[in-house]
Amino acid sequence: MNKKGFTLTELIITIGLLAVLGLVIVSNMSGLLEKNKEENYQTFVKSIEEAACTFIELKVAQNYVSTSDCKTPSGCNVAINALVQEGLLSEKEVISPKTGQSVASKTVKISSHDNKKICTFTE
């Protein structure tokens, strides 16, 4: 008798191995997606903080703000709307990758430590 094809046991084992392999791939991909989202958010925060520090430096250079204004313990705040108006950020750059909402109404805290500006954005 000429046997061609696979037995039922072979097919079940093959399907089971493919299912396990699929689960491993899906779980790894979801981890990569979460890591990518977090990296995008960190880049988003960094761009806002850099724009705020640049804004303060411009205002100091233009004599609108004194360097001692942000050296108090409470520091000072810069509205993100002001960063957009100055052209340091675009409307698209102030949309949070985490929430999908605009953060234009929020502020960035500027403080000084060891004569170094520290710009901190918290959503």
N, C-alpha and C. Protein backbone atom coordinates (compact mmCIF):
# COMPACT_ATOMS: atom_id res chain seq x y z
N MET A 1 0.85 -1.17 0.00
CA MET A 1 0.00 0.00 0.00
C MET A 1 0.89 1.23 0.00
N ASN A 2 0.57 2.17 -0.81
CA ASN A 2 1.34 3.41 -0.95
C ASN A 2 0.73 4.49 -0.06
N LYS A 3 1.52 4.93 0.96
CA LYS A 3 1.02 5.96 1.87
C LYS A 3 1.57 7.31 1.44
N LYS A 4 0.69 8.26 1.20
CA LYS A 4 1.10 9.61 0.89
C LYS A 4 0.41 10.54 1.88
N GLY A 5 1.14 11.61 2.32
CA GLY A 5 0.55 12.59 3.23
C GLY A 5 1.04 12.41 4.65
N PHE A 6 0.40 13.15 5.55
CA PHE A 6 0.78 13.15 6.95
C PHE A 6 -0.28 12.46 7.79
N THR A 7 0.15 11.94 8.91
CA THR A 7 -0.80 11.34 9.83
C THR A 7 -1.47 12.45 10.64
N LEU A 8 -2.56 12.13 11.27
CA LEU A 8 -3.28 13.09 12.09
C LEU A 8 -2.41 13.59 13.24
N THR A 9 -1.64 12.73 13.82
CA THR A 9 -0.75 13.10 14.93
C THR A 9 0.29 14.12 14.47
N GLU A 10 0.88 13.88 13.31
CA GLU A 10 1.87 14.82 12.78
C GLU A 10 1.25 16.19 12.53
N LEU A 11 0.06 16.22 12.00
CA LEU A 11 -0.62 17.49 11.74
C LEU A 11 -0.93 18.24 13.04
N ILE A 12 -1.40 17.54 14.03
CA ILE A 12 -1.73 18.17 15.32
C ILE A 12 -0.47 18.74 15.97
N ILE A 13 0.62 17.99 15.95
CA ILE A 13 1.88 18.47 16.53
C ILE A 13 2.37 19.70 15.78
N THR A 14 2.29 19.69 14.46
CA THR A 14 2.74 20.82 13.65
C THR A 14 1.90 22.07 13.95
N ILE A 15 0.59 21.91 14.02
CA ILE A 15 -0.29 23.04 14.31
C ILE A 15 -0.01 23.58 15.72
N GLY A 16 0.23 22.68 16.67
CA GLY A 16 0.55 23.11 18.04
C GLY A 16 1.84 23.91 18.09
N LEU A 17 2.87 23.44 17.39
CA LEU A 17 4.14 24.17 17.36
C LEU A 17 3.98 25.54 16.71
N LEU A 18 3.21 25.61 15.64
CA LEU A 18 2.95 26.90 14.98
C LEU A 18 2.20 27.85 15.91
N ALA A 19 1.26 27.33 16.68
CA ALA A 19 0.50 28.16 17.62
C ALA A 19 1.42 28.73 18.71
N VAL A 20 2.29 27.90 19.25
CA VAL A 20 3.24 28.35 20.28
C VAL A 20 4.18 29.39 19.69
N LEU A 21 4.69 29.14 18.51
CA LEU A 21 5.57 30.09 17.84
C LEU A 21 4.85 31.42 17.61
N GLY A 22 3.60 31.35 17.18
CA GLY A 22 2.81 32.58 16.97
C GLY A 22 2.63 33.36 18.26
N LEU A 23 2.36 32.69 19.37
CA LEU A 23 2.20 33.37 20.66
C LEU A 23 3.49 34.06 21.09
N VAL A 24 4.61 33.41 20.89
CA VAL A 24 5.90 34.01 21.26
C VAL A 24 6.16 35.25 20.43
N ILE A 25 5.88 35.18 19.14
CA ILE A 25 6.11 36.33 18.26
C ILE A 25 5.19 37.48 18.63
N VAL A 26 3.92 37.21 18.88
CA VAL A 26 2.97 38.27 19.23
C VAL A 26 3.36 38.93 20.55
N SER A 27 3.75 38.14 21.53
CA SER A 27 4.12 38.74 22.83
C SER A 27 5.38 39.60 22.70
N ASN A 28 6.35 39.17 21.91
CA ASN A 28 7.55 39.97 21.69
C ASN A 28 7.23 41.26 20.94
N MET A 29 6.35 41.20 19.97
CA MET A 29 5.97 42.38 19.20
C MET A 29 5.24 43.39 20.08
N SER A 30 4.38 42.93 20.97
CA SER A 30 3.67 43.87 21.83
C SER A 30 4.65 44.56 22.78
N GLY A 31 5.66 43.83 23.24
CA GLY A 31 6.69 44.45 24.08
C GLY A 31 7.48 45.49 23.33
N LEU A 32 7.80 45.21 22.06
CA LEU A 32 8.52 46.18 21.24
C LEU A 32 7.67 47.42 20.98
N LEU A 33 6.38 47.24 20.78
CA LEU A 33 5.50 48.38 20.55
C LEU A 33 5.42 49.27 21.78
N GLU A 34 5.33 48.67 22.96
CA GLU A 34 5.30 49.45 24.20
C GLU A 34 6.60 50.21 24.40
N LYS A 35 7.71 49.56 24.12
CA LYS A 35 9.02 50.22 24.24
C LYS A 35 9.11 51.39 23.27
N ASN A 36 8.62 51.21 22.05
CA ASN A 36 8.62 52.27 21.05
C ASN A 36 7.76 53.45 21.48
N LYS A 37 6.59 53.16 22.07
CA LYS A 37 5.71 54.23 22.56
C LYS A 37 6.41 55.03 23.65
N GLU A 38 7.08 54.35 24.56
CA GLU A 38 7.77 55.04 25.66
C GLU A 38 8.91 55.90 25.12
N GLU A 39 9.65 55.38 24.14
CA GLU A 39 10.73 56.17 23.54
C GLU A 39 10.18 57.40 22.83
N ASN A 40 9.05 57.26 22.14
CA ASN A 40 8.42 58.41 21.48
C ASN A 40 8.00 59.46 22.51
N TYR A 41 7.47 59.00 23.65
CA TYR A 41 7.05 59.94 24.68
C TYR A 41 8.24 60.66 25.28
N GLN A 42 9.33 59.95 25.52
CA GLN A 42 10.53 60.58 26.07
C GLN A 42 11.10 61.62 25.10
N THR A 43 11.06 61.33 23.81
CA THR A 43 11.49 62.29 22.79
C THR A 43 10.58 63.51 22.80
N PHE A 44 9.29 63.29 22.95
CA PHE A 44 8.29 64.36 23.02
C PHE A 44 8.59 65.29 24.21
N VAL A 45 8.81 64.71 25.38
CA VAL A 45 9.10 65.50 26.58
C VAL A 45 10.40 66.27 26.42
N LYS A 46 11.42 65.62 25.89
CA LYS A 46 12.72 66.26 25.72
C LYS A 46 12.62 67.46 24.77
N SER A 47 11.85 67.33 23.69
CA SER A 47 11.73 68.45 22.74
C SER A 47 11.02 69.63 23.39
N ILE A 48 10.03 69.37 24.23
CA ILE A 48 9.34 70.46 24.92
C ILE A 48 10.28 71.13 25.93
N GLU A 49 11.03 70.32 26.67
CA GLU A 49 11.96 70.89 27.66
C GLU A 49 13.06 71.71 26.99
N GLU A 50 13.59 71.22 25.87
CA GLU A 50 14.63 71.96 25.15
C GLU A 50 14.08 73.27 24.60
N ALA A 51 12.85 73.25 24.10
CA ALA A 51 12.23 74.47 23.58
C ALA A 51 12.04 75.49 24.70
N ALA A 52 11.66 75.02 25.89
CA ALA A 52 11.46 75.93 27.02
C ALA A 52 12.79 76.55 27.46
N CYS A 53 13.85 75.76 27.51
CA CYS A 53 15.16 76.31 27.88
C CYS A 53 15.64 77.30 26.83
N THR A 54 15.42 77.00 25.57
CA THR A 54 15.78 77.94 24.49
C THR A 54 14.98 79.22 24.61
N PHE A 55 13.71 79.10 24.93
CA PHE A 55 12.83 80.26 25.10
C PHE A 55 13.36 81.19 26.19
N ILE A 56 13.73 80.61 27.33
CA ILE A 56 14.26 81.42 28.44
C ILE A 56 15.56 82.09 28.03
N GLU A 57 16.44 81.36 27.35
CA GLU A 57 17.71 81.94 26.90
C GLU A 57 17.47 83.11 25.94
N LEU A 58 16.49 82.98 25.05
CA LEU A 58 16.15 84.06 24.13
C LEU A 58 15.63 85.28 24.89
N LYS A 59 14.78 85.03 25.87
CA LYS A 59 14.20 86.14 26.64
C LYS A 59 15.26 86.84 27.49
N VAL A 60 16.23 86.07 28.00
CA VAL A 60 17.33 86.68 28.76
C VAL A 60 18.18 87.53 27.81
N ALA A 61 18.46 87.00 26.63
CA ALA A 61 19.27 87.74 25.65
C ALA A 61 18.56 89.02 25.20
N GLN A 62 17.23 88.99 25.17
CA GLN A 62 16.47 90.16 24.76
C GLN A 62 16.14 91.07 25.94
N ASN A 63 16.65 90.73 27.13
CA ASN A 63 16.44 91.49 28.37
C ASN A 63 14.97 91.54 28.79
N TYR A 64 14.18 90.55 28.40
CA TYR A 64 12.80 90.47 28.87
C TYR A 64 12.72 89.77 30.22
N VAL A 65 13.70 88.92 30.48
CA VAL A 65 13.74 88.14 31.71
C VAL A 65 15.14 88.25 32.28
N SER A 66 15.23 88.34 33.59
CA SER A 66 16.53 88.36 34.26
C SER A 66 16.95 86.93 34.56
N THR A 67 18.24 86.68 34.55
CA THR A 67 18.72 85.33 34.86
C THR A 67 18.38 84.93 36.29
N SER A 68 18.17 85.90 37.15
CA SER A 68 17.86 85.57 38.55
C SER A 68 16.38 85.24 38.76
N ASP A 69 15.53 85.49 37.75
CA ASP A 69 14.10 85.24 37.91
C ASP A 69 13.78 83.76 38.18
N CYS A 70 14.53 82.87 37.60
CA CYS A 70 14.24 81.44 37.74
C CYS A 70 15.14 80.76 38.77
N LYS A 71 15.91 81.54 39.52
CA LYS A 71 16.81 80.96 40.51
C LYS A 71 16.15 80.82 41.88
N THR A 72 14.91 81.23 41.99
CA THR A 72 14.21 81.07 43.26
C THR A 72 13.92 79.58 43.47
N PRO A 73 13.66 79.17 44.71
CA PRO A 73 13.37 77.75 44.95
C PRO A 73 12.17 77.23 44.14
N SER A 74 11.19 78.10 43.92
CA SER A 74 10.03 77.65 43.17
C SER A 74 10.25 77.69 41.67
N GLY A 75 11.31 78.38 41.23
CA GLY A 75 11.60 78.48 39.80
C GLY A 75 10.58 79.36 39.10
N CYS A 76 10.47 79.21 37.82
CA CYS A 76 9.45 79.93 37.07
C CYS A 76 8.84 78.98 36.05
N ASN A 77 7.72 79.37 35.49
CA ASN A 77 7.01 78.51 34.54
C ASN A 77 6.91 79.19 33.19
N VAL A 78 6.98 78.38 32.14
CA VAL A 78 6.80 78.86 30.78
C VAL A 78 5.62 78.11 30.19
N ALA A 79 4.65 78.86 29.67
CA ALA A 79 3.49 78.23 29.04
C ALA A 79 3.90 77.64 27.69
N ILE A 80 3.42 76.45 27.42
CA ILE A 80 3.73 75.80 26.15
C ILE A 80 3.11 76.59 25.00
N ASN A 81 1.99 77.27 25.25
CA ASN A 81 1.41 78.14 24.23
C ASN A 81 2.41 79.19 23.78
N ALA A 82 3.20 79.72 24.71
CA ALA A 82 4.21 80.72 24.37
C ALA A 82 5.29 80.12 23.47
N LEU A 83 5.62 78.87 23.70
CA LEU A 83 6.62 78.20 22.87
C LEU A 83 6.11 78.02 21.44
N VAL A 84 4.82 77.76 21.31
CA VAL A 84 4.22 77.62 19.98
C VAL A 84 4.17 78.99 19.30
N GLN A 85 3.78 80.01 20.06
CA GLN A 85 3.69 81.37 19.49
C GLN A 85 5.05 81.88 19.04
N GLU A 86 6.11 81.52 19.76
CA GLU A 86 7.46 81.95 19.38
C GLU A 86 8.03 81.14 18.22
N GLY A 87 7.34 80.07 17.84
CA GLY A 87 7.80 79.25 16.74
C GLY A 87 8.82 78.19 17.14
N LEU A 88 8.98 77.97 18.44
CA LEU A 88 9.92 76.96 18.90
C LEU A 88 9.32 75.56 18.83
N LEU A 89 8.00 75.48 18.83
CA LEU A 89 7.29 74.21 18.68
C LEU A 89 6.13 74.44 17.72
N SER A 90 5.75 73.39 16.99
CA SER A 90 4.58 73.48 16.12
C SER A 90 3.38 72.90 16.86
N GLU A 91 2.20 73.12 16.30
CA GLU A 91 0.98 72.58 16.90
C GLU A 91 1.03 71.05 16.98
N LYS A 92 1.63 70.42 15.97
CA LYS A 92 1.73 68.96 15.96
C LYS A 92 2.67 68.45 17.04
N GLU A 93 3.70 69.25 17.38
CA GLU A 93 4.69 68.81 18.36
C GLU A 93 4.18 68.87 19.79
N VAL A 94 3.03 69.49 20.02
CA VAL A 94 2.50 69.56 21.38
C VAL A 94 1.34 68.59 21.61
N ILE A 95 1.21 67.62 20.73
CA ILE A 95 0.21 66.57 20.91
C ILE A 95 0.90 65.37 21.54
N SER A 96 0.45 65.00 22.71
CA SER A 96 1.08 63.93 23.47
C SER A 96 0.90 62.58 22.79
N PRO A 97 2.00 61.83 22.62
CA PRO A 97 1.86 60.49 22.04
C PRO A 97 1.15 59.52 22.98
N LYS A 98 1.12 59.82 24.27
CA LYS A 98 0.44 58.92 25.22
C LYS A 98 -1.07 59.09 25.17
N THR A 99 -1.51 60.36 25.17
CA THR A 99 -2.95 60.63 25.28
C THR A 99 -3.59 61.05 23.96
N GLY A 100 -2.79 61.54 23.02
CA GLY A 100 -3.34 62.06 21.77
C GLY A 100 -3.94 63.44 21.93
N GLN A 101 -3.80 64.03 23.10
CA GLN A 101 -4.35 65.36 23.40
C GLN A 101 -3.26 66.41 23.34
N SER A 102 -3.65 67.63 23.04
CA SER A 102 -2.69 68.74 23.02
C SER A 102 -2.33 69.12 24.45
N VAL A 103 -1.06 69.43 24.66
CA VAL A 103 -0.59 69.87 25.97
C VAL A 103 -0.27 71.37 25.96
N ALA A 104 -0.83 72.08 24.97
CA ALA A 104 -0.52 73.50 24.79
C ALA A 104 -0.91 74.33 26.01
N SER A 105 -1.87 73.88 26.79
CA SER A 105 -2.31 74.65 27.96
C SER A 105 -1.44 74.38 29.19
N LYS A 106 -0.52 73.45 29.10
CA LYS A 106 0.35 73.11 30.23
C LYS A 106 1.55 74.06 30.30
N THR A 107 2.36 73.89 31.34
CA THR A 107 3.55 74.71 31.51
C THR A 107 4.78 73.84 31.73
N VAL A 108 5.94 74.45 31.54
CA VAL A 108 7.22 73.81 31.80
C VAL A 108 7.86 74.57 32.94
N LYS A 109 8.31 73.87 33.96
CA LYS A 109 8.96 74.52 35.10
C LYS A 109 10.44 74.70 34.78
N ILE A 110 10.93 75.90 35.00
CA ILE A 110 12.34 76.22 34.80
C ILE A 110 12.93 76.52 36.16
N SER A 111 13.97 75.81 36.51
CA SER A 111 14.68 76.07 37.76
C SER A 111 16.17 76.11 37.46
N SER A 112 16.92 76.49 38.46
CA SER A 112 18.35 76.60 38.26
C SER A 112 19.05 75.88 39.40
N HIS A 113 20.08 75.13 39.03
CA HIS A 113 20.87 74.41 40.03
C HIS A 113 22.32 74.44 39.58
N ASP A 114 23.20 74.96 40.41
CA ASP A 114 24.63 75.10 40.07
C ASP A 114 24.82 75.86 38.76
N ASN A 115 24.08 76.97 38.64
CA ASN A 115 24.14 77.83 37.45
C ASN A 115 23.79 77.10 36.16
N LYS A 116 23.01 76.06 36.27
CA LYS A 116 22.56 75.32 35.09
C LYS A 116 21.02 75.31 35.10
N LYS A 117 20.43 75.65 33.94
CA LYS A 117 18.98 75.65 33.84
C LYS A 117 18.46 74.22 33.77
N ILE A 118 17.41 73.97 34.50
CA ILE A 118 16.75 72.66 34.46
C ILE A 118 15.31 72.91 34.06
N CYS A 119 14.95 72.38 32.91
CA CYS A 119 13.59 72.53 32.38
C CYS A 119 12.86 71.21 32.57
N THR A 120 11.72 71.25 33.24
CA THR A 120 11.00 70.02 33.57
C THR A 120 9.55 70.12 33.13
N PHE A 121 9.15 69.18 32.28
CA PHE A 121 7.76 69.10 31.83
C PHE A 121 7.13 67.86 32.43
N THR A 122 5.99 68.03 33.06
CA THR A 122 5.23 66.88 33.55
C THR A 122 3.81 67.01 33.03
N GLU A 123 3.31 65.93 32.51
CA GLU A 123 1.97 65.95 31.91
C GLU A 123 0.93 65.67 32.97
